[in-house]
Every structure is written in structure tokens, then in C-alpha cells.
């Protein structure tokens, strides 16, 4: 039995129902590594998703945010972020989602993003296009950065370091039409895929943050690569990524490279 889009969608929808139900309670919160917020829902949703994967595909490897890597058959690997946008979730904001992706021989095959409070689902199967709520989507056709809406995010532990991303943020506020910070890498990638945002960059993202979004964005006609090393394996560890429509991508990368050189 091979994974199917229908099966992964079923899991993501049930995971979303768990998250929505738990958000109505005084949810337990804690911090990992001293700064990263985790809620009881992160754990509950991940436990559900990993349970489904292990029941249906017990030999498959998994890389999940809360429980880390479970290396078994590396030809088959899952990437799970139970709640991307945990801070939003914990504060009752709707910009959070469940992210599940499956890769075979290192190639992403299925990606599903479910944003229950926004009533939006994004999905893709390699070679078959990208969809939002069942309708095919494509990246925007904006050609000028001056007319572009771009998005980013920040790692709290990098704020007082040269990799804080603040200088990039300041530069893009001058070069683009506007910069948005939605608080969820998965949502940013989905919105670039759907043409709602024209480009997105962020530093030190984890594989579970971006795996599903990468496939969806690429299937929607977008480009997503490493900012510096464009041939980097974005799922092998922490990644600095740039995602955009094909016209905006080189313009954004030039600015990011300029800012990096200025900080060297």
C-alpha cells in the first residue's frame, strides 16, 4: 500500500479538528529550549498523525517537530508539523495550520496544508498541480518588486545576531510594495502558491516547516530554493529559503545577497 492524497487529507482534516477543539480550552503551554512555545495541542495533533503513519506504514521514516527523527526505511519519509504557527494558535489567531508531506527516495510526492480557522486546505501531488479547496492555483504574475507583497518571519534566538533577518526586512520595506509577517512559514508558502503573496524568505527553517509548502509552491509554478546555495537540500536540516513567482524571485535574491555581503 502506497500513501495517497486522499489518505493524507483525511489525516490532516482530523488533526485540524483536534486542534480546533483544543483551542477552545485553557490549553496547557510550555517552552522548549527556553524560548519556543509548545502547547498540549502540538503534542496531541502530532501523536495522532504519527499514530496514523505508523499504523499504515510502520517501516517509514518520520521527521516531526516535537518528537524529532525516527529513521527506519529512508526511501520513504514523512515530514510533520502538527501546528505551524503555534504562537498564533495559542493566542487565538487564525493563522496556523497542520502540515504533512511524504517523500519517496528524497523526492516530495504528496503535500497537504490545512488551515482550519481560515477554512482553507492546500494540497499537491507531484506532477499533478496544486490546489486550494479543490480549485487549481498558480503563483502571481507580478513582475516588479515595487508592486509585490512579500512576507517573512524571524527566529527569536537570532534577533541579536548578524542572522537576525532585520536588515533584510528593512531593505524590503523600501523595495517592495509591502512586507507581511503572518507567523507561519506554511501559510506564507501556501499564499505564494496561491498568488496572494508574491514572495517569501526566511532563515533557519526546519524541514517540517516547509516540506509540504515546497511541493505545493513548485506545483503552482513557483520557485523555492536556498538563498545562498540554490542547490541545497532544503530538507536536510535548517534552511534559509527564498520562494517566489519566477519574475520576482531573481529580484528578491539579488537584494538578499546584497544584504548578506554588507553584513560580511
C-alpha atoms as a PDB file:
ATOM      1  CA  UNK A   1       0.000   0.000   0.000  1.00  0.00           C
ATOM      2  CA  UNK A   2       1.344   3.402  -1.035  1.00  0.00           C
ATOM      3  CA  UNK A   3       0.296   6.728   0.525  1.00  0.00           C
ATOM      4  CA  UNK A   4      -2.474   8.546  -1.324  1.00  0.00           C
ATOM      5  CA  UNK A   5      -3.570  12.148  -1.302  1.00  0.00           C
ATOM      6  CA  UNK A   6      -6.995  11.106  -0.032  1.00  0.00           C
ATOM      7  CA  UNK A   7      -5.497   9.323   2.951  1.00  0.00           C
ATOM      8  CA  UNK A   8      -3.217  12.221   3.908  1.00  0.00           C
ATOM      9  CA  UNK A   9      -6.085  14.693   3.519  1.00  0.00           C
ATOM     10  CA  UNK A  10      -8.217  12.554   5.817  1.00  0.00           C
ATOM     11  CA  UNK A  11      -5.481  12.593   8.467  1.00  0.00           C
ATOM     12  CA  UNK A  12      -4.882  16.353   8.154  1.00  0.00           C
ATOM     13  CA  UNK A  13      -8.586  17.109   8.467  1.00  0.00           C
ATOM     14  CA  UNK A  14      -8.920  15.012  11.607  1.00  0.00           C
ATOM     15  CA  UNK A  15      -5.785  16.633  13.018  1.00  0.00           C
ATOM     16  CA  UNK A  16      -7.356  20.019  12.292  1.00  0.00           C
ATOM     17  CA  UNK A  17     -10.493  19.031  14.182  1.00  0.00           C
ATOM     18  CA  UNK A  18      -8.360  18.083  17.192  1.00  0.00           C
ATOM     19  CA  UNK A  19      -6.579  21.446  17.070  1.00  0.00           C
ATOM     20  CA  UNK A  20      -9.808  23.433  16.764  1.00  0.00           C
ATOM     21  CA  UNK A  21     -11.433  21.568  19.651  1.00  0.00           C
ATOM     22  CA  UNK A  22      -8.425  22.031  21.925  1.00  0.00           C
ATOM     23  CA  UNK A  23      -8.181  25.742  21.122  1.00  0.00           C
ATOM     24  CA  UNK A  24     -11.487  26.281  22.925  1.00  0.00           C
ATOM     25  CA  UNK A  25      -9.945  25.181  26.243  1.00  0.00           C
ATOM     26  CA  UNK A  26      -7.462  26.778  28.610  1.00  0.00           C
ATOM     27  CA  UNK A  27      -4.706  24.965  26.804  1.00  0.00           C
ATOM     28  CA  UNK A  28      -1.544  23.842  28.540  1.00  0.00           C
ATOM     29  CA  UNK A  29       1.579  25.705  27.412  1.00  0.00           C
ATOM     30  CA  UNK A  30       5.286  25.193  27.951  1.00  0.00           C
ATOM     31  CA  UNK A  31       8.577  26.281  26.417  1.00  0.00           C
ATOM     32  CA  UNK A  32      11.233  24.127  24.785  1.00  0.00           C
ATOM     33  CA  UNK A  33      14.820  25.344  24.529  1.00  0.00           C
ATOM     34  CA  UNK A  34      13.748  28.193  26.799  1.00  0.00           C
ATOM     35  CA  UNK A  35      12.057  30.242  24.055  1.00  0.00           C
ATOM     36  CA  UNK A  36       9.915  28.132  21.741  1.00  0.00           C
ATOM     37  CA  UNK A  37       6.275  27.872  22.745  1.00  0.00           C
ATOM     38  CA  UNK A  38       4.636  24.438  22.709  1.00  0.00           C
ATOM     39  CA  UNK A  39       1.016  23.693  23.553  1.00  0.00           C
ATOM     40  CA  UNK A  40      -0.748  20.499  24.526  1.00  0.00           C
ATOM     41  CA  UNK A  41      -2.360  20.625  21.075  1.00  0.00           C
ATOM     42  CA  UNK A  42       1.020  20.415  19.344  1.00  0.00           C
ATOM     43  CA  UNK A  43       1.648  17.159  21.178  1.00  0.00           C
ATOM     44  CA  UNK A  44      -1.874  15.769  20.713  1.00  0.00           C
ATOM     45  CA  UNK A  45      -2.011  16.529  16.994  1.00  0.00           C
ATOM     46  CA  UNK A  46       1.457  15.097  16.391  1.00  0.00           C
ATOM     47  CA  UNK A  47       0.617  11.964  18.374  1.00  0.00           C
ATOM     48  CA  UNK A  48      -2.463  11.457  16.204  1.00  0.00           C
ATOM     49  CA  UNK A  49      -0.617  11.984  12.899  1.00  0.00           C
ATOM     50  CA  UNK A  50       2.355   9.824  13.832  1.00  0.00           C
ATOM     51  CA  UNK A  51      -0.011   7.144  15.057  1.00  0.00           C
ATOM     52  CA  UNK A  52      -1.717   7.065  11.658  1.00  0.00           C
ATOM     53  CA  UNK A  53       1.562   6.925   9.765  1.00  0.00           C
ATOM     54  CA  UNK A  54       2.956   4.192  11.988  1.00  0.00           C
ATOM     55  CA  UNK A  55      -0.227   2.144  11.750  1.00  0.00           C
ATOM     56  CA  UNK A  56      -0.446   2.311   7.953  1.00  0.00           C
ATOM     57  CA  UNK A  57       3.269   2.486   7.103  1.00  0.00           C
ATOM     58  CA  UNK A  58       5.241   1.084  10.073  1.00  0.00           C
ATOM     59  CA  UNK A  59       8.531   0.882   8.176  1.00  0.00           C
ATOM     60  CA  UNK A  60       8.548   4.521   7.032  1.00  0.00           C
ATOM     61  CA  UNK A  61      10.843   7.188   8.478  1.00  0.00           C
ATOM     62  CA  UNK A  62       9.376  10.319  10.059  1.00  0.00           C
ATOM     63  CA  UNK A  63      10.747  13.779  10.833  1.00  0.00           C
ATOM     64  CA  UNK A  64       8.337  15.596  13.139  1.00  0.00           C
ATOM     65  CA  UNK A  65       8.655  18.838  15.068  1.00  0.00           C
ATOM     66  CA  UNK A  66       8.009  17.608  18.592  1.00  0.00           C
ATOM     67  CA  UNK A  67       9.379  14.069  18.509  1.00  0.00           C
ATOM     68  CA  UNK A  68      12.262  14.519  16.079  1.00  0.00           C
ATOM     69  CA  UNK A  69      13.512  11.946  13.601  1.00  0.00           C
ATOM     70  CA  UNK A  70      12.528   8.301  13.501  1.00  0.00           C
ATOM     71  CA  UNK A  71      14.861   6.780  10.937  1.00  0.00           C
ATOM     72  CA  UNK A  72      13.664   3.483   9.504  1.00  0.00           C
ATOM     73  CA  UNK A  73      13.276   2.944   5.755  1.00  0.00           C
ATOM     74  CA  UNK A  74      14.822   6.123   4.377  1.00  0.00           C
ATOM     75  CA  UNK A  75      13.318   5.513   0.937  1.00  0.00           C
ATOM     76  CA  UNK A  76      10.032   6.607   2.496  1.00  0.00           C
ATOM     77  CA  UNK A  77       9.976   9.684   4.715  1.00  0.00           C
ATOM     78  CA  UNK A  78       7.260  11.838   6.271  1.00  0.00           C
ATOM     79  CA  UNK A  79       7.551  15.431   7.446  1.00  0.00           C
ATOM     80  CA  UNK A  80       5.038  16.504  10.086  1.00  0.00           C
ATOM     81  CA  UNK A  81       4.429  19.878  11.689  1.00  0.00           C
ATOM     82  CA  UNK A  82       1.411  19.420  13.962  1.00  0.00           C
ATOM     83  CA  UNK A  83       0.723  23.138  14.332  1.00  0.00           C
ATOM     84  CA  UNK A  84       2.742  25.583  12.283  1.00  0.00           C
ATOM     85  CA  UNK A  85       2.148  28.988  13.815  1.00  0.00           C
ATOM     86  CA  UNK A  86       1.918  27.851  17.437  1.00  0.00           C
ATOM     87  CA  UNK A  87       2.101  31.381  18.849  1.00  0.00           C
ATOM     88  CA  UNK A  88      -0.806  32.437  16.644  1.00  0.00           C
ATOM     89  CA  UNK A  89      -2.707  29.342  17.731  1.00  0.00           C
ATOM     90  CA  UNK A  90      -2.057  29.914  21.423  1.00  0.00           C
ATOM     91  CA  UNK A  91      -3.317  33.488  21.177  1.00  0.00           C
ATOM     92  CA  UNK A  92      -6.478  32.592  19.280  1.00  0.00           C
ATOM     93  CA  UNK A  93      -5.266  33.970  15.970  1.00  0.00           C
ATOM     94  CA  UNK A  94      -6.416  32.046  12.878  1.00  0.00           C
ATOM     95  CA  UNK A  95      -3.071  31.905  11.047  1.00  0.00           C
ATOM     96  CA  UNK A  96      -1.945  28.404  11.942  1.00  0.00           C
ATOM     97  CA  UNK A  97      -2.045  25.087  10.174  1.00  0.00           C
ATOM     98  CA  UNK A  98      -1.272  21.388  10.008  1.00  0.00           C
ATOM     99  CA  UNK A  99       1.496  20.394   7.592  1.00  0.00           C
ATOM    100  CA  UNK A 100       2.083  16.840   6.337  1.00  0.00           C
ATOM    101  CA  UNK A 101       4.364  15.780   3.483  1.00  0.00           C
ATOM    102  CA  UNK A 102       5.556  12.457   2.108  1.00  0.00           C
ATOM    103  CA  UNK A 103       8.779  11.895   0.146  1.00  0.00           C
ATOM    104  CA  UNK A 104       9.947   8.823  -1.774  1.00  0.00           C
ATOM    105  CA  UNK A 105      13.671   8.447  -2.464  1.00  0.00           C
ATOM    106  CA  UNK A 106      14.100  12.048  -1.309  1.00  0.00           C
ATOM    107  CA  UNK A 107      11.545  13.428  -3.764  1.00  0.00           C
ATOM    108  CA  UNK A 108       8.442  15.092  -2.346  1.00  0.00           C
ATOM    109  CA  UNK A 109       5.361  13.270  -3.628  1.00  0.00           C
ATOM    110  CA  UNK A 110       2.428  14.496  -1.501  1.00  0.00           C
ATOM    111  CA  UNK A 111       1.968  17.727   0.435  1.00  0.00           C
ATOM    112  CA  UNK A 112      -1.053  18.812   2.451  1.00  0.00           C
ATOM    113  CA  UNK A 113      -1.627  22.011   4.422  1.00  0.00           C
ATOM    114  CA  UNK A 114      -4.795  22.512   6.427  1.00  0.00           C
ATOM    115  CA  UNK A 115      -5.668  25.884   7.980  1.00  0.00           C
ATOM    116  CA  UNK A 116      -8.905  25.142   9.820  1.00  0.00           C
ATOM    117  CA  UNK A 117      -9.665  28.588  11.236  1.00  0.00           C
ATOM    118  CA  UNK A 118      -9.185  30.088   7.776  1.00  0.00           C
ATOM    119  CA  UNK A 119     -11.266  27.291   6.230  1.00  0.00           C
ATOM    120  CA  UNK A 120      -8.520  26.665   3.668  1.00  0.00           C
ATOM    121  CA  UNK A 121      -6.836  23.481   2.515  1.00  0.00           C
ATOM    122  CA  UNK A 122      -3.904  23.357   0.108  1.00  0.00           C
ATOM    123  CA  UNK A 123      -2.551  20.198  -1.432  1.00  0.00           C
ATOM    124  CA  UNK A 124      -0.374  18.847  -4.220  1.00  0.00           C
ATOM    125  CA  UNK A 125       0.755  15.569  -5.697  1.00  0.00           C
ATOM    126  CA  UNK A 126       3.978  15.712  -7.698  1.00  0.00           C
ATOM    127  CA  UNK A 127       3.269  16.373 -11.358  1.00  0.00           C
ATOM    128  CA  UNK A 128      -0.449  16.997 -10.889  1.00  0.00           C
ATOM    129  CA  UNK A 129      -0.570  20.669  -9.923  1.00  0.00           C
ATOM    130  CA  UNK A 130      -1.508  22.474  -6.724  1.00  0.00           C
ATOM    131  CA  UNK A 131      -4.969  23.106  -5.300  1.00  0.00           C
ATOM    132  CA  UNK A 132      -6.775  25.233  -2.728  1.00  0.00           C
ATOM    133  CA  UNK A 133     -10.137  23.886  -1.559  1.00  0.00           C
ATOM    134  CA  UNK A 134     -10.302  21.790  -4.704  1.00  0.00           C
ATOM    135  CA  UNK A 135      -9.539  24.570  -7.194  1.00  0.00           C
ATOM    136  CA  UNK A 136      -6.254  24.665  -9.087  1.00  0.00           C
ATOM    137  CA  UNK A 137      -3.940  27.511  -8.130  1.00  0.00           C
ATOM    138  CA  UNK A 138      -0.925  29.280  -9.589  1.00  0.00           C
ATOM    139  CA  UNK A 139       1.593  31.833  -8.410  1.00  0.00           C
ATOM    140  CA  UNK A 140       1.037  35.503  -9.192  1.00  0.00           C
ATOM    141  CA  UNK A 141       2.137  37.217 -12.385  1.00  0.00           C
ATOM    142  CA  UNK A 142       3.533  40.319 -10.697  1.00  0.00           C
ATOM    143  CA  UNK A 143       6.768  41.271 -12.441  1.00  0.00           C
ATOM    144  CA  UNK A 144       8.035  44.241 -10.425  1.00  0.00           C
ATOM    145  CA  UNK A 145       9.181  44.098  -6.836  1.00  0.00           C
ATOM    146  CA  UNK A 146       7.757  47.592  -6.354  1.00  0.00           C
ATOM    147  CA  UNK A 147       4.309  46.101  -6.918  1.00  0.00           C
ATOM    148  CA  UNK A 148       4.929  42.968  -4.860  1.00  0.00           C
ATOM    149  CA  UNK A 149       3.641  41.856  -1.480  1.00  0.00           C
ATOM    150  CA  UNK A 150       6.353  39.832   0.223  1.00  0.00           C
ATOM    151  CA  UNK A 151       6.426  38.006   3.547  1.00  0.00           C
ATOM    152  CA  UNK A 152       8.973  36.864   6.082  1.00  0.00           C
ATOM    153  CA  UNK A 153       9.438  35.673   9.648  1.00  0.00           C
ATOM    154  CA  UNK A 154      12.008  35.828  12.414  1.00  0.00           C
ATOM    155  CA  UNK A 155      13.736  33.341  14.699  1.00  0.00           C
ATOM    156  CA  UNK A 156      13.711  34.741  18.251  1.00  0.00           C
ATOM    157  CA  UNK A 157      17.099  33.220  19.071  1.00  0.00           C
ATOM    158  CA  UNK A 158      18.721  35.082  16.143  1.00  0.00           C
ATOM    159  CA  UNK A 159      17.453  38.585  16.957  1.00  0.00           C
ATOM    160  CA  UNK A 160      20.736  39.836  18.443  1.00  0.00           C
ATOM    161  CA  UNK A 161      22.943  38.141  15.853  1.00  0.00           C
ATOM    162  CA  UNK A 162      24.045  39.048  12.301  1.00  0.00           C
ATOM    163  CA  UNK A 163      21.482  36.493  11.026  1.00  0.00           C
ATOM    164  CA  UNK A 164      18.539  38.255  12.647  1.00  0.00           C
ATOM    165  CA  UNK A 165      16.850  38.964   9.278  1.00  0.00           C
ATOM    166  CA  UNK A 166      16.093  42.503  10.436  1.00  0.00           C
ATOM    167  CA  UNK A 167      18.286  44.193   7.822  1.00  0.00           C
ATOM    168  CA  UNK A 168      16.604  42.144   5.090  1.00  0.00           C
ATOM    169  CA  UNK A 169      13.219  43.186   6.454  1.00  0.00           C
ATOM    170  CA  UNK A 170      14.169  46.871   6.449  1.00  0.00           C
ATOM    171  CA  UNK A 171      15.502  46.663   2.900  1.00  0.00           C
ATOM    172  CA  UNK A 172      12.366  45.004   1.555  1.00  0.00           C
ATOM    173  CA  UNK A 173      10.143  47.589   3.230  1.00  0.00           C
ATOM    174  CA  UNK A 174      11.867  50.055   0.916  1.00  0.00           C
ATOM    175  CA  UNK A 175      11.994  47.901  -2.212  1.00  0.00           C
ATOM    176  CA  UNK A 176       8.644  46.075  -2.199  1.00  0.00           C
ATOM    177  CA  UNK A 177       5.092  47.377  -2.036  1.00  0.00           C
ATOM    178  CA  UNK A 178       4.812  45.978   1.486  1.00  0.00           C
ATOM    179  CA  UNK A 179       6.124  43.254   3.780  1.00  0.00           C
ATOM    180  CA  UNK A 180       3.866  40.973   5.792  1.00  0.00           C
ATOM    181  CA  UNK A 181       4.628  38.753   8.777  1.00  0.00           C
ATOM    182  CA  UNK A 182       1.943  36.085   9.130  1.00  0.00           C
ATOM    183  CA  UNK A 183       3.629  33.947  11.774  1.00  0.00           C
ATOM    184  CA  UNK A 184       3.501  30.675   9.833  1.00  0.00           C
ATOM    185  CA  UNK A 185       6.006  29.541   7.211  1.00  0.00           C
ATOM    186  CA  UNK A 186       3.474  27.019   5.914  1.00  0.00           C
ATOM    187  CA  UNK A 187       0.877  29.738   5.390  1.00  0.00           C
ATOM    188  CA  UNK A 188       3.406  32.007   3.703  1.00  0.00           C
ATOM    189  CA  UNK A 189       4.339  29.264   1.234  1.00  0.00           C
ATOM    190  CA  UNK A 190       0.682  28.460   0.591  1.00  0.00           C
ATOM    191  CA  UNK A 191      -0.105  32.108  -0.075  1.00  0.00           C
ATOM    192  CA  UNK A 192       2.782  32.424  -2.518  1.00  0.00           C
ATOM    193  CA  UNK A 193       1.500  29.293  -4.256  1.00  0.00           C
ATOM    194  CA  UNK A 194      -1.991  30.770  -4.477  1.00  0.00           C
ATOM    195  CA  UNK A 195      -0.846  34.164  -5.740  1.00  0.00           C
ATOM    196  CA  UNK A 196      -1.945  36.054  -2.623  1.00  0.00           C
ATOM    197  CA  UNK A 197       1.670  36.867  -1.759  1.00  0.00           C
ATOM    198  CA  UNK A 198       4.348  37.280  -4.409  1.00  0.00           C
ATOM    199  CA  UNK A 199       7.432  36.186  -2.466  1.00  0.00           C
ATOM    200  CA  UNK A 200       8.618  34.839   0.872  1.00  0.00           C
ATOM    201  CA  UNK A 201      12.000  34.451   2.508  1.00  0.00           C
ATOM    202  CA  UNK A 202      13.085  33.268   5.936  1.00  0.00           C
ATOM    203  CA  UNK A 203      16.193  31.928   7.643  1.00  0.00           C
ATOM    204  CA  UNK A 204      16.742  28.723   9.613  1.00  0.00           C
ATOM    205  CA  UNK A 205      13.510  26.933   8.838  1.00  0.00           C
ATOM    206  CA  UNK A 206      13.177  23.259   9.714  1.00  0.00           C
ATOM    207  CA  UNK A 207      12.153  20.539   7.238  1.00  0.00           C
ATOM    208  CA  UNK A 208       8.733  20.034   8.838  1.00  0.00           C
ATOM    209  CA  UNK A 209       8.025  23.783   8.479  1.00  0.00           C
ATOM    210  CA  UNK A 210       8.416  23.770   4.730  1.00  0.00           C
ATOM    211  CA  UNK A 211       8.191  20.286   3.172  1.00  0.00           C
ATOM    212  CA  UNK A 212       4.503  20.347   2.215  1.00  0.00           C
ATOM    213  CA  UNK A 213       4.662  24.014   1.233  1.00  0.00           C
ATOM    214  CA  UNK A 214       7.652  23.434  -1.039  1.00  0.00           C
ATOM    215  CA  UNK A 215       5.814  20.839  -3.110  1.00  0.00           C
ATOM    216  CA  UNK A 216       2.616  22.903  -3.272  1.00  0.00           C
ATOM    217  CA  UNK A 217       4.509  26.017  -4.336  1.00  0.00           C
ATOM    218  CA  UNK A 218       6.520  24.243  -7.007  1.00  0.00           C
ATOM    219  CA  UNK A 219       3.418  22.566  -8.388  1.00  0.00           C
ATOM    220  CA  UNK A 220       1.829  26.040  -8.562  1.00  0.00           C
ATOM    221  CA  UNK A 221       4.658  27.274 -10.802  1.00  0.00           C
ATOM    222  CA  UNK A 222       6.792  28.968  -8.168  1.00  0.00           C
ATOM    223  CA  UNK A 223      10.475  28.739  -7.338  1.00  0.00           C
ATOM    224  CA  UNK A 224      11.755  27.788  -3.887  1.00  0.00           C
ATOM    225  CA  UNK A 225      15.459  27.324  -3.246  1.00  0.00           C
ATOM    226  CA  UNK A 226      18.179  28.074  -0.751  1.00  0.00           C
ATOM    227  CA  UNK A 227      19.021  31.767  -0.580  1.00  0.00           C
ATOM    228  CA  UNK A 228      22.777  31.283  -0.959  1.00  0.00           C
ATOM    229  CA  UNK A 229      23.167  27.696  -2.145  1.00  0.00           C
ATOM    230  CA  UNK A 230      20.410  27.270  -4.685  1.00  0.00           C
ATOM    231  CA  UNK A 231      21.159  23.559  -4.975  1.00  0.00           C
ATOM    232  CA  UNK A 232      20.929  22.964  -1.228  1.00  0.00           C
ATOM    233  CA  UNK A 233      18.771  20.130   0.073  1.00  0.00           C
ATOM    234  CA  UNK A 234      16.171  22.164   1.952  1.00  0.00           C
ATOM    235  CA  UNK A 235      15.006  19.119   3.910  1.00  0.00           C
ATOM    236  CA  UNK A 236      18.367  18.039   5.328  1.00  0.00           C
ATOM    237  CA  UNK A 237      18.429  20.500   8.245  1.00  0.00           C
ATOM    238  CA  UNK A 238      17.925  24.182   8.988  1.00  0.00           C
ATOM    239  CA  UNK A 239      17.413  26.030   5.701  1.00  0.00           C
ATOM    240  CA  UNK A 240      17.452  29.637   4.531  1.00  0.00           C
ATOM    241  CA  UNK A 241      14.813  29.753   1.818  1.00  0.00           C
ATOM    242  CA  UNK A 242      13.515  32.084  -0.848  1.00  0.00           C
ATOM    243  CA  UNK A 243      10.193  31.330  -2.505  1.00  0.00           C
ATOM    244  CA  UNK A 244       8.532  33.473  -5.157  1.00  0.00           C
ATOM    245  CA  UNK A 245       6.981  33.644  -8.573  1.00  0.00           C
ATOM    246  CA  UNK A 246       9.607  33.318 -11.340  1.00  0.00           C
ATOM    247  CA  UNK A 247       9.675  37.064 -12.105  1.00  0.00           C
ATOM    248  CA  UNK A 248      10.101  38.271  -8.537  1.00  0.00           C
ATOM    249  CA  UNK A 249      12.500  35.528  -7.445  1.00  0.00           C
ATOM    250  CA  UNK A 250      15.723  36.911  -9.009  1.00  0.00           C
ATOM    251  CA  UNK A 251      14.925  40.442  -7.826  1.00  0.00           C
ATOM    252  CA  UNK A 252      14.457  39.264  -4.252  1.00  0.00           C
ATOM    253  CA  UNK A 253      17.562  37.086  -4.326  1.00  0.00           C
ATOM    254  CA  UNK A 254      19.715  39.976  -5.530  1.00  0.00           C
ATOM    255  CA  UNK A 255      18.655  42.070  -2.533  1.00  0.00           C
ATOM    256  CA  UNK A 256      19.242  39.219  -0.094  1.00  0.00           C
ATOM    257  CA  UNK A 257      22.716  38.633  -1.499  1.00  0.00           C
ATOM    258  CA  UNK A 258      23.496  42.362  -1.294  1.00  0.00           C
ATOM    259  CA  UNK A 259      22.439  42.481   2.336  1.00  0.00           C
ATOM    260  CA  UNK A 260      24.471  39.396   3.142  1.00  0.00           C
ATOM    261  CA  UNK A 261      27.570  40.933   1.558  1.00  0.00           C
ATOM    262  CA  UNK A 262      27.009  44.135   3.523  1.00  0.00           C
ATOM    263  CA  UNK A 263      27.000  42.159   6.777  1.00  0.00           C
ATOM    264  CA  UNK A 264      30.126  40.165   5.933  1.00  0.00           C
END
